[in-house]
Protein backbone atom coordinates (compact mmCIF):
# COMPACT_ATOMS: atom_id res chain seq x y z
CA MET A 1 43.06 -5.71 21.95
CA ALA A 2 41.13 -5.31 18.73
CA SER A 3 37.42 -4.94 19.22
CA VAL A 4 35.01 -7.46 17.65
CA LEU A 5 33.71 -4.80 15.32
CA SER A 6 37.12 -4.03 14.11
CA LEU A 7 37.69 -7.75 13.42
CA LEU A 8 34.44 -7.95 11.58
CA ARG A 9 35.42 -4.99 9.39
CA ALA A 10 38.53 -6.99 8.43
CA GLY A 11 36.25 -9.46 6.69
CA GLY A 12 36.47 -12.26 9.34
CA LYS A 13 40.17 -12.83 8.64
CA PHE A 14 40.93 -12.74 12.33
CA LEU A 15 40.13 -16.41 12.50
CA ARG A 16 42.92 -17.23 10.09
CA HIS A 17 45.42 -14.45 10.75
CA ALA A 18 47.91 -15.11 13.51
CA SER A 19 48.63 -11.43 14.10
CA TRP A 20 45.07 -10.74 15.32
CA ARG A 21 44.48 -10.95 19.01
CA TYR A 22 40.97 -11.39 20.31
CA SER A 23 39.13 -12.80 23.28
CA SER A 24 36.25 -15.21 23.20
CA ASN A 25 34.64 -12.90 25.71
CA ASP A 26 34.44 -10.25 22.98
CA VAL A 27 32.52 -12.61 20.70
CA THR A 28 30.23 -13.69 23.54
CA ALA A 29 29.50 -10.08 24.44
CA PHE A 30 28.75 -9.29 20.80
CA VAL A 31 26.21 -12.11 20.22
CA GLU A 32 24.54 -11.44 23.58
CA ASN A 33 23.73 -7.94 22.40
CA ARG A 34 19.92 -8.29 21.85
CA THR A 35 18.96 -4.68 21.21
CA MET A 36 20.73 -1.42 20.27
CA LYS A 37 20.07 2.07 19.16
CA ILE A 38 21.85 3.41 16.08
CA TYR A 39 21.46 7.01 15.03
CA ASN A 40 23.33 6.87 11.74
CA GLY A 41 23.43 10.19 9.91
CA GLU A 42 20.64 12.75 10.24
CA LYS A 43 16.84 12.45 10.08
CA ALA A 44 15.64 12.37 6.53
CA PRO A 45 13.91 15.49 5.27
CA PRO A 46 10.09 15.30 5.02
CA GLY A 47 9.05 13.20 2.06
CA LEU A 48 5.35 13.64 1.35
CA PHE A 49 4.12 15.12 4.61
CA SER A 50 5.03 17.75 7.16
CA SER A 51 6.02 16.86 10.76
CA ALA A 52 2.79 18.65 11.92
CA GLU A 53 0.74 16.24 9.77
CA ILE A 54 2.34 13.18 11.29
CA GLU A 55 2.17 14.60 14.85
CA GLY A 56 -1.55 15.16 14.26
CA ARG A 57 -2.02 11.49 13.38
CA ILE A 58 -0.14 10.43 16.53
CA THR A 59 -2.24 12.82 18.67
CA LYS A 60 -5.44 11.25 17.34
CA LEU A 61 -4.09 7.81 18.14
CA ARG A 62 -3.15 8.83 21.66
CA ASN A 63 -6.55 10.41 22.18
CA TYR A 64 -8.14 7.12 21.15
CA MET A 65 -5.83 5.28 23.57
CA GLN A 66 -6.89 7.54 26.42
CA GLN A 67 -10.61 7.07 25.59
CA GLU A 68 -10.27 3.31 25.45
CA GLY A 69 -8.01 2.90 28.40
CA LEU A 70 -4.98 1.61 26.45
CA ALA A 71 -1.57 1.95 28.05
CA ALA A 72 0.25 1.43 24.71
CA CYS A 73 -0.29 0.40 21.09
CA LEU A 74 1.99 -1.98 19.21
CA LEU A 75 1.37 -1.41 15.44
CA THR A 76 2.77 -4.19 13.25
CA SER A 77 1.30 -3.71 9.76
CA ILE A 78 3.32 -2.05 7.02
CA HIS A 79 0.51 0.51 6.38
CA ASN A 80 0.11 1.55 10.02
CA VAL A 81 3.85 1.72 10.67
CA CYS A 82 4.24 3.89 7.59
CA TYR A 83 1.17 6.07 8.46
CA TYR A 84 2.23 6.83 12.03
CA THR A 85 5.99 7.22 11.46
CA GLY A 86 5.59 9.46 8.42
CA GLY A 87 7.45 7.33 5.87
CA PHE A 88 9.16 4.20 7.23
CA ILE A 89 8.00 1.33 4.95
CA TYR A 90 9.64 -1.76 6.23
CA CYS A 91 10.77 -4.80 4.30
CA ALA A 92 10.01 -7.71 6.59
CA PHE A 93 11.72 -10.59 4.81
CA GLY A 94 10.47 -12.94 7.49
CA ARG A 95 11.19 -10.70 10.46
CA PRO A 96 8.63 -8.92 12.65
CA TYR A 97 8.62 -5.12 12.69
CA GLY A 98 6.56 -2.63 14.64
CA LEU A 99 5.84 0.78 16.09
CA LEU A 100 5.31 1.17 19.83
CA VAL A 101 3.27 4.21 20.89
CA THR A 102 2.60 5.16 24.53
CA PRO A 103 1.58 8.49 25.99
CA GLU A 104 5.30 9.37 26.20
CA LYS A 105 7.00 7.26 23.51
CA HIS A 106 6.95 6.78 19.75
CA VAL A 107 9.45 4.09 18.90
CA SER A 108 9.76 2.08 15.65
CA ILE A 109 11.20 -1.45 16.06
CA SER A 110 13.34 -2.78 13.29
CA ALA A 111 16.00 -5.45 12.50
CA LEU A 112 19.71 -4.75 12.51
CA ILE A 113 19.88 -5.64 8.82
CA ASP A 114 18.28 -2.18 8.10
CA TYR A 115 20.85 -0.35 10.36
CA GLY A 116 20.06 3.35 10.65
CA GLN A 117 17.45 3.76 7.85
CA PRO A 118 14.35 3.05 9.99
CA TRP A 119 15.45 5.80 12.48
CA ARG A 120 16.13 8.24 9.67
CA ARG A 121 12.58 7.60 8.24
CA SER A 122 10.77 7.62 11.59
CA LEU A 123 9.63 10.86 13.10
CA HIS A 124 10.86 10.03 16.57
CA ASP A 125 12.89 7.15 18.11
CA ASN A 126 13.90 3.69 16.92
CA ILE A 127 15.10 0.49 18.61
CA ILE A 128 16.94 -2.24 16.79
CA PHE A 129 16.82 -5.98 17.59
CA THR A 130 19.58 -8.36 16.49
CA ASP A 131 19.36 -11.83 14.95
CA TRP A 132 21.85 -13.40 17.33
CA LYS A 133 19.16 -14.91 19.50
CA ARG A 134 15.62 -16.01 18.83
CA ASP A 135 12.80 -13.60 19.70
CA ASN A 136 14.89 -10.52 20.27
CA TYR A 137 12.07 -8.55 18.68
CA TYR A 138 9.87 -9.26 21.65
CA ARG A 139 12.67 -8.32 24.02
CA ALA A 140 12.87 -5.00 22.26
CA VAL A 141 9.15 -4.45 22.79
CA VAL A 142 9.45 -5.32 26.48
CA GLU A 143 12.52 -3.07 26.88
CA GLU A 144 10.68 -0.03 25.48
CA LEU A 145 7.46 -0.81 27.46
CA GLY A 146 9.48 -0.82 30.72
CA ASP A 147 7.07 -0.72 33.66
CA THR A 148 4.02 0.02 31.50
CA ARG A 149 0.99 -1.74 32.86
CA GLY A 150 -2.47 -2.02 31.36
CA ALA A 151 -4.08 -3.03 28.08
CA ILE A 152 -2.08 -2.94 24.88
CA GLY A 153 -3.68 -2.38 21.50
CA ILE A 154 -2.55 -4.59 18.64
CA GLU A 155 -3.68 -5.35 15.12
CA PHE A 156 -5.56 -8.66 15.28
CA ASP A 157 -5.85 -8.73 11.46
CA HIS A 158 -2.11 -8.63 11.04
CA MET A 159 -0.66 -10.64 13.99
CA ASP A 160 -0.78 -14.39 13.54
CA LEU A 161 -1.36 -16.86 16.39
CA GLN A 162 2.33 -17.65 16.82
CA ARG A 163 3.37 -14.05 17.16
CA PHE A 164 0.32 -13.27 19.38
CA LYS A 165 1.35 -16.10 21.75
CA LYS A 166 5.05 -15.02 21.75
CA LEU A 167 4.13 -11.43 22.54
CA LYS A 168 1.81 -12.57 25.36
CA ASP A 169 4.47 -14.87 26.78
CA HIS A 170 7.13 -12.10 26.80
CA LEU A 171 5.05 -9.35 28.42
CA PRO A 172 6.08 -9.14 32.12
CA HIS A 173 2.84 -7.84 33.51
CA SER A 174 0.22 -10.11 31.84
CA ASN A 175 -1.04 -7.13 29.86
CA GLU A 176 -4.37 -7.54 28.18
CA LEU A 177 -4.12 -7.45 24.37
CA ARG A 178 -6.97 -5.60 22.52
CA ASP A 179 -7.76 -5.28 18.86
CA ILE A 180 -7.29 -1.85 17.33
CA CYS A 181 -7.27 -2.76 13.61
CA GLU A 182 -10.70 -1.37 12.85
CA ALA A 183 -10.11 1.82 14.86
CA THR A 184 -6.90 2.65 13.12
CA MET A 185 -8.47 1.80 9.78
CA ARG A 186 -11.25 4.28 10.33
CA MET A 187 -8.68 6.93 11.33
CA ARG A 188 -6.96 6.34 7.98
CA MET A 189 -10.22 6.37 5.91
CA LYS A 190 -10.70 10.15 6.20
CA LYS A 191 -7.82 12.01 4.56
CA SER A 192 -6.27 15.24 5.62
CA ASN A 193 -5.60 18.06 3.21
CA GLU A 194 -1.96 17.01 2.93
CA GLU A 195 -2.92 13.45 2.18
CA ILE A 196 -5.37 14.51 -0.52
CA ALA A 197 -2.72 16.76 -2.13
CA ALA A 198 -0.35 13.75 -2.24
CA ILE A 199 -3.06 11.49 -3.68
CA LYS A 200 -3.78 14.02 -6.39
CA ASN A 201 -0.09 14.19 -7.30
CA SER A 202 0.06 10.46 -7.32
CA ALA A 203 -3.04 10.13 -9.56
CA ALA A 204 -1.55 12.65 -12.03
CA THR A 205 1.57 10.52 -12.01
CA ALA A 206 -0.46 7.43 -12.86
CA ASP A 207 -1.86 9.34 -15.86
CA ILE A 208 1.68 10.03 -16.98
CA GLY A 209 2.40 6.31 -16.77
CA ALA A 210 -0.65 5.45 -18.86
CA ARG A 211 0.40 7.83 -21.59
CA ALA A 212 3.85 6.29 -21.67
CA CYS A 213 2.32 2.84 -22.02
CA VAL A 214 0.22 3.96 -24.98
CA GLU A 215 3.34 5.27 -26.58
CA ALA A 216 5.05 1.96 -26.14
CA LEU A 217 2.18 -0.16 -27.41
CA GLY A 218 2.61 -1.92 -30.76
CA GLU A 219 2.17 -5.16 -32.60
CA ASN A 220 4.52 -7.87 -31.32
CA VAL A 221 5.60 -5.67 -28.41
CA PRO A 222 5.74 -7.86 -25.26
CA GLU A 223 3.56 -6.95 -22.31
CA TYR A 224 6.54 -6.40 -20.11
CA GLU A 225 8.06 -3.77 -22.46
CA VAL A 226 4.93 -1.69 -22.24
CA ALA A 227 4.86 -2.09 -18.44
CA LEU A 228 8.50 -1.00 -18.11
CA ALA A 229 7.84 2.17 -20.10
CA GLY A 230 4.96 3.17 -17.79
CA THR A 231 6.88 2.31 -14.65
CA GLN A 232 9.94 4.34 -15.61
CA ALA A 233 7.82 7.37 -16.43
CA MET A 234 6.02 7.24 -13.10
CA VAL A 235 9.12 6.75 -11.02
CA ARG A 236 10.86 9.65 -12.68
CA ASN A 237 7.91 11.90 -12.02
CA ILE A 238 7.67 10.91 -8.38
CA ALA A 239 11.33 11.64 -7.95
CA LYS A 240 10.72 15.10 -9.57
CA LEU A 241 7.73 15.85 -7.27
CA TYR A 242 9.29 14.49 -4.06
CA PRO A 243 13.07 14.59 -4.29
CA ASP A 244 13.48 13.66 -0.62
CA SER A 245 11.18 10.65 -0.64
CA GLU A 246 11.90 6.95 -1.09
CA LEU A 247 11.01 5.20 -4.31
CA MET A 248 9.50 1.72 -3.92
CA ASP A 249 6.80 -0.39 -5.46
CA THR A 250 5.51 1.74 -8.33
CA TRP A 251 4.47 -0.70 -11.08
CA VAL A 252 2.35 -1.39 -14.18
CA TRP A 253 0.21 -4.35 -15.14
CA LEU A 254 -0.38 -4.58 -18.84
CA GLN A 255 -2.38 -7.66 -19.73
CA SER A 256 -3.42 -8.79 -23.18
CA ALA A 257 -6.01 -11.26 -24.58
CA ILE A 258 -6.72 -14.13 -22.09
CA ASN A 259 -4.34 -12.52 -19.55
CA THR A 260 -6.95 -9.83 -18.96
CA ASP A 261 -9.36 -12.22 -17.24
CA GLY A 262 -8.05 -11.33 -13.73
CA ALA A 263 -7.56 -7.84 -12.39
CA HIS A 264 -4.29 -8.73 -10.65
CA ASN A 265 -2.73 -11.04 -13.26
CA PRO A 266 1.03 -10.51 -13.56
CA VAL A 267 2.83 -9.08 -16.57
CA THR A 268 3.96 -11.75 -19.01
CA THR A 269 6.27 -12.10 -22.04
CA ARG A 270 3.25 -12.50 -24.39
CA LYS A 271 3.52 -10.39 -27.53
CA ILE A 272 0.56 -8.04 -28.17
CA GLN A 273 -1.36 -8.62 -31.45
CA LYS A 274 -3.74 -6.36 -33.39
CA GLY A 275 -7.30 -6.77 -32.17
CA ASP A 276 -6.19 -7.83 -28.72
CA ILE A 277 -8.22 -6.68 -25.74
CA LEU A 278 -5.78 -4.99 -23.34
CA SER A 279 -6.11 -4.16 -19.63
CA LEU A 280 -3.76 -1.39 -18.47
CA SER A 281 -3.22 -0.61 -14.80
CA CYS A 282 -0.74 2.02 -13.77
CA PHE A 283 0.05 2.18 -10.01
CA SER A 284 1.85 5.22 -8.67
CA MET A 285 3.28 4.64 -5.19
CA PRO A 286 4.99 7.74 -3.69
CA GLN A 287 6.25 6.51 -0.25
CA GLY A 288 3.43 4.11 0.35
CA TYR A 289 0.55 6.19 -1.04
CA TYR A 290 -1.21 4.06 -3.63
CA THR A 291 -3.15 5.40 -6.59
CA SER A 292 -3.97 3.98 -9.99
CA VAL A 293 -5.56 4.47 -13.39
CA GLU A 294 -6.99 1.36 -15.07
CA ARG A 295 -8.30 1.21 -18.60
CA THR A 296 -9.65 -1.25 -21.18
CA MET A 297 -7.91 -0.81 -24.52
CA PHE A 298 -7.64 -2.52 -27.95
CA LEU A 299 -4.75 -2.43 -30.36
CA ASP A 300 -5.77 -1.30 -33.87
CA HIS A 301 -9.38 -2.51 -33.86
CA CYS A 302 -12.20 -3.89 -31.70
CA SER A 303 -14.67 -6.57 -32.70
CA ASP A 304 -18.39 -5.92 -32.60
CA ALA A 305 -18.86 -8.42 -29.76
CA HIS A 306 -16.09 -6.85 -27.74
CA LEU A 307 -17.43 -3.33 -28.42
CA LYS A 308 -20.90 -4.20 -27.16
CA ILE A 309 -19.58 -5.46 -23.79
CA TRP A 310 -17.07 -2.58 -23.44
CA GLU A 311 -19.76 0.05 -24.05
CA ALA A 312 -21.98 -1.64 -21.43
CA ASN A 313 -19.14 -1.59 -18.87
CA VAL A 314 -18.46 2.03 -19.65
CA ALA A 315 -22.13 2.82 -19.03
CA VAL A 316 -21.90 1.17 -15.60
CA HIS A 317 -18.68 3.11 -14.90
CA LYS A 318 -20.30 6.43 -15.80
CA ARG A 319 -23.33 5.72 -13.61
CA GLY A 320 -21.05 4.75 -10.77
CA LEU A 321 -19.15 8.06 -10.99
CA GLN A 322 -22.45 9.84 -10.60
CA LEU A 323 -23.47 7.89 -7.51
CA ILE A 324 -20.35 8.71 -5.47
CA LYS A 325 -21.32 11.59 -3.14
CA PRO A 326 -21.56 12.28 0.58
CA GLY A 327 -24.44 10.62 2.50
CA VAL A 328 -24.63 7.52 0.21
CA LYS A 329 -23.94 4.09 1.60
CA CYS A 330 -21.37 1.87 -0.11
CA SER A 331 -23.93 -0.90 -0.28
CA GLU A 332 -26.49 1.31 -2.03
CA ILE A 333 -24.00 2.08 -4.82
CA ALA A 334 -23.30 -1.65 -5.28
CA ARG A 335 -26.92 -2.61 -5.44
CA GLU A 336 -27.85 0.01 -8.04
CA LEU A 337 -24.93 -0.94 -10.28
CA ASN A 338 -25.88 -4.58 -9.94
CA GLU A 339 -29.28 -3.71 -11.43
CA LEU A 340 -27.65 -1.92 -14.36
CA TYR A 341 -25.33 -4.90 -15.02
CA ALA A 342 -28.39 -7.14 -14.89
CA GLN A 343 -30.11 -5.04 -17.60
CA PHE A 344 -27.10 -5.67 -19.83
CA ASN A 345 -27.15 -9.42 -18.89
CA LEU A 346 -23.64 -9.04 -17.53
CA LEU A 347 -24.12 -9.31 -13.79
CA LYS A 348 -23.06 -12.98 -13.77
CA TYR A 349 -19.72 -11.91 -15.23
CA ARG A 350 -18.86 -9.39 -12.49
CA THR A 351 -15.72 -10.34 -10.63
CA PHE A 352 -15.30 -8.05 -7.56
CA GLY A 353 -16.56 -4.90 -5.75
CA TYR A 354 -17.09 -1.58 -7.46
CA GLY A 355 -14.32 0.41 -5.85
CA HIS A 356 -12.30 1.02 -2.65
CA SER A 357 -10.49 3.56 -0.59
CA PHE A 358 -7.02 5.03 -1.34
CA GLY A 359 -4.16 6.06 0.86
CA VAL A 360 -1.48 3.97 2.59
CA LEU A 361 -2.00 0.67 0.91
CA CYS A 362 -0.45 -1.59 -1.71
CA HIS A 363 -1.03 -4.84 -3.56
CA TYR A 364 1.26 -6.40 -0.96
CA TYR A 365 -0.28 -4.91 2.14
CA GLY A 366 -2.97 -2.68 3.49
CA ARG A 367 -6.69 -2.43 2.85
CA GLU A 368 -9.38 -0.18 4.29
CA ALA A 369 -12.04 -2.84 4.10
CA GLU A 370 -14.90 -0.74 5.50
CA LEU A 371 -14.62 1.66 2.56
CA GLU A 372 -15.20 -0.77 -0.31
CA LEU A 373 -18.15 -0.39 -2.65
CA ARG A 374 -19.77 -3.74 -1.92
CA GLU A 375 -23.19 -5.05 -0.94
CA ASP A 376 -22.09 -5.96 2.57
CA ILE A 377 -20.50 -2.58 3.48
CA GLU A 378 -22.77 -0.05 5.18
CA THR A 379 -20.25 2.78 5.51
CA VAL A 380 -21.69 6.17 4.59
CA LEU A 381 -19.47 8.25 2.32
CA GLU A 382 -18.25 11.45 4.00
CA PRO A 383 -16.05 14.50 3.10
CA GLY A 384 -12.40 13.58 3.30
CA MET A 385 -12.88 10.09 1.82
CA VAL A 386 -11.15 9.06 -1.38
CA VAL A 387 -12.66 6.15 -3.39
CA SER A 388 -12.45 4.61 -6.77
CA MET A 389 -15.15 3.56 -9.21
CA GLU A 390 -13.94 0.46 -11.02
CA PRO A 391 -16.53 -1.95 -12.42
CA MET A 392 -15.15 -5.07 -14.04
CA VAL A 393 -16.60 -7.99 -15.88
CA THR A 394 -14.85 -11.00 -17.40
CA ILE A 395 -16.23 -12.95 -20.38
CA PRO A 396 -14.80 -16.53 -20.46
CA GLU A 397 -12.51 -17.67 -23.28
CA GLY A 398 -14.40 -19.11 -26.23
CA GLN A 399 -17.38 -16.74 -25.89
CA PRO A 400 -17.98 -13.69 -28.14
CA GLY A 401 -16.14 -10.66 -26.62
CA ALA A 402 -13.93 -12.82 -24.38
CA GLY A 403 -11.62 -11.01 -21.94
CA GLY A 404 -11.66 -8.76 -18.92
CA TYR A 405 -13.07 -5.17 -19.01
CA ARG A 406 -12.20 -2.64 -16.32
CA GLU A 407 -12.13 1.15 -15.97
CA LEU A 408 -10.94 2.97 -12.84
CA ASN A 409 -11.26 6.66 -11.78
CA ILE A 410 -10.43 8.07 -8.37
CA LEU A 411 -12.80 10.52 -6.68
CA VAL A 412 -12.27 12.87 -3.73
CA ILE A 413 -15.20 13.93 -1.61
CA ASN A 414 -14.56 17.57 -0.57
CA ASP A 415 -15.54 19.35 2.66
CA ASP A 416 -18.28 21.29 0.80
CA GLY A 417 -19.88 18.05 -0.46
CA SER A 418 -18.59 18.38 -4.01
CA VAL A 419 -16.74 15.54 -5.63
CA ASP A 420 -13.59 15.82 -7.68
CA ASP A 421 -12.67 13.17 -10.27
CA ILE A 422 -8.85 13.35 -10.15
CA THR A 423 -8.16 10.87 -12.88
CA GLY A 424 -7.36 12.58 -16.12
CA PHE A 425 -6.67 9.78 -18.57
CA PRO A 426 -9.72 9.24 -20.84
CA PHE A 427 -11.76 6.03 -20.96
CA GLY A 428 -13.96 4.31 -23.52
CA PRO A 429 -13.90 3.19 -27.14
CA GLU A 430 -13.69 6.71 -28.57
CA HIS A 431 -10.26 7.17 -26.84
CA ASN A 432 -8.71 3.74 -26.34
CA ILE A 433 -8.72 1.85 -29.61
CA ILE A 434 -5.05 2.53 -30.17
CA LYS A 435 -3.96 2.84 -33.77
CA LYS A 436 -0.32 2.24 -34.54
């Protein structure tokens, strides 16, 4: 008798083809299959990091679990799953995903739609849940937990109330659920040598993207054409640097005129004109590791009103670069730069914090909130941290110098206390009034 899988490979024709023989029991058995393990192919070669690097992260997590009396951790965010598997970046598309870590196990949890790829990109094991019945994800979690009893760490900032309740309802031993989001965030905030090396490569790739964008700039060139040129240049460089890595999410925002008012405004079809204020952001993303270079530019010429504001913002940027050093609080940097903006009468136009951490994050996911340069963050800068300096002001439409002004450089705080600015693309009016 033909198996159900054989029938499915035939494109479903078994329902219409009299020569096929099948049993309803085969179909029932198939849809009752709630979890499975598929080891398709071989484990992927290391992308950005060595196995020793990832094992070190897992060991730190397990040490934390032991100290806090946690029997297991169920990580559910894209950034933590990527960080602790070594390169599995899931595409949720409405489905829950996760990584279960116990003292003995390290198992990523993925949907059947991804087949063998999550296992190939995870350092250790993987379990798959099917779509055939509701909540098979939670059954996969319970299956891997087995007889595990005790508190389970989860990410409160990522799990919504519905999924929290479902997880609680499915656990067989009434396990206590504790929040680990801040603890894991603090583990990610201090980078290893391998991470810093990857971040430096990524920052250099962003510089390549920025140069490609400048080459593509021109009168009547649409924003999206400039963005495409930068994206292609970065993707190709990442592929050259890391031939065994995945390529996902590298992108460019090139905004012009009024479109520059927001830092995260999308690319449009607007055609760039001479005299336009431009905001260029090139985001290099090798396997989940985010870096960027962001620059204010003008095509052909810059008005006196625009130049005055631009020069003031550059002065704030330069002072901010000087302030980033070990032993300084994030809040102290923000307060001093506020005073400088106030001297320029621009403080009321400031739009967000002065910088943030880098690592496993993206515009769609991930944020190390305790390493942002804001007035309400008391974190002290330490060696191993990587932060940006990126002051921005927006002048409303209709006022002299209207538009958004933003510069971004990435800085690495070294073990010896020195600070490296790893962004190479120049900033300021002397470099970025682009003549074509």
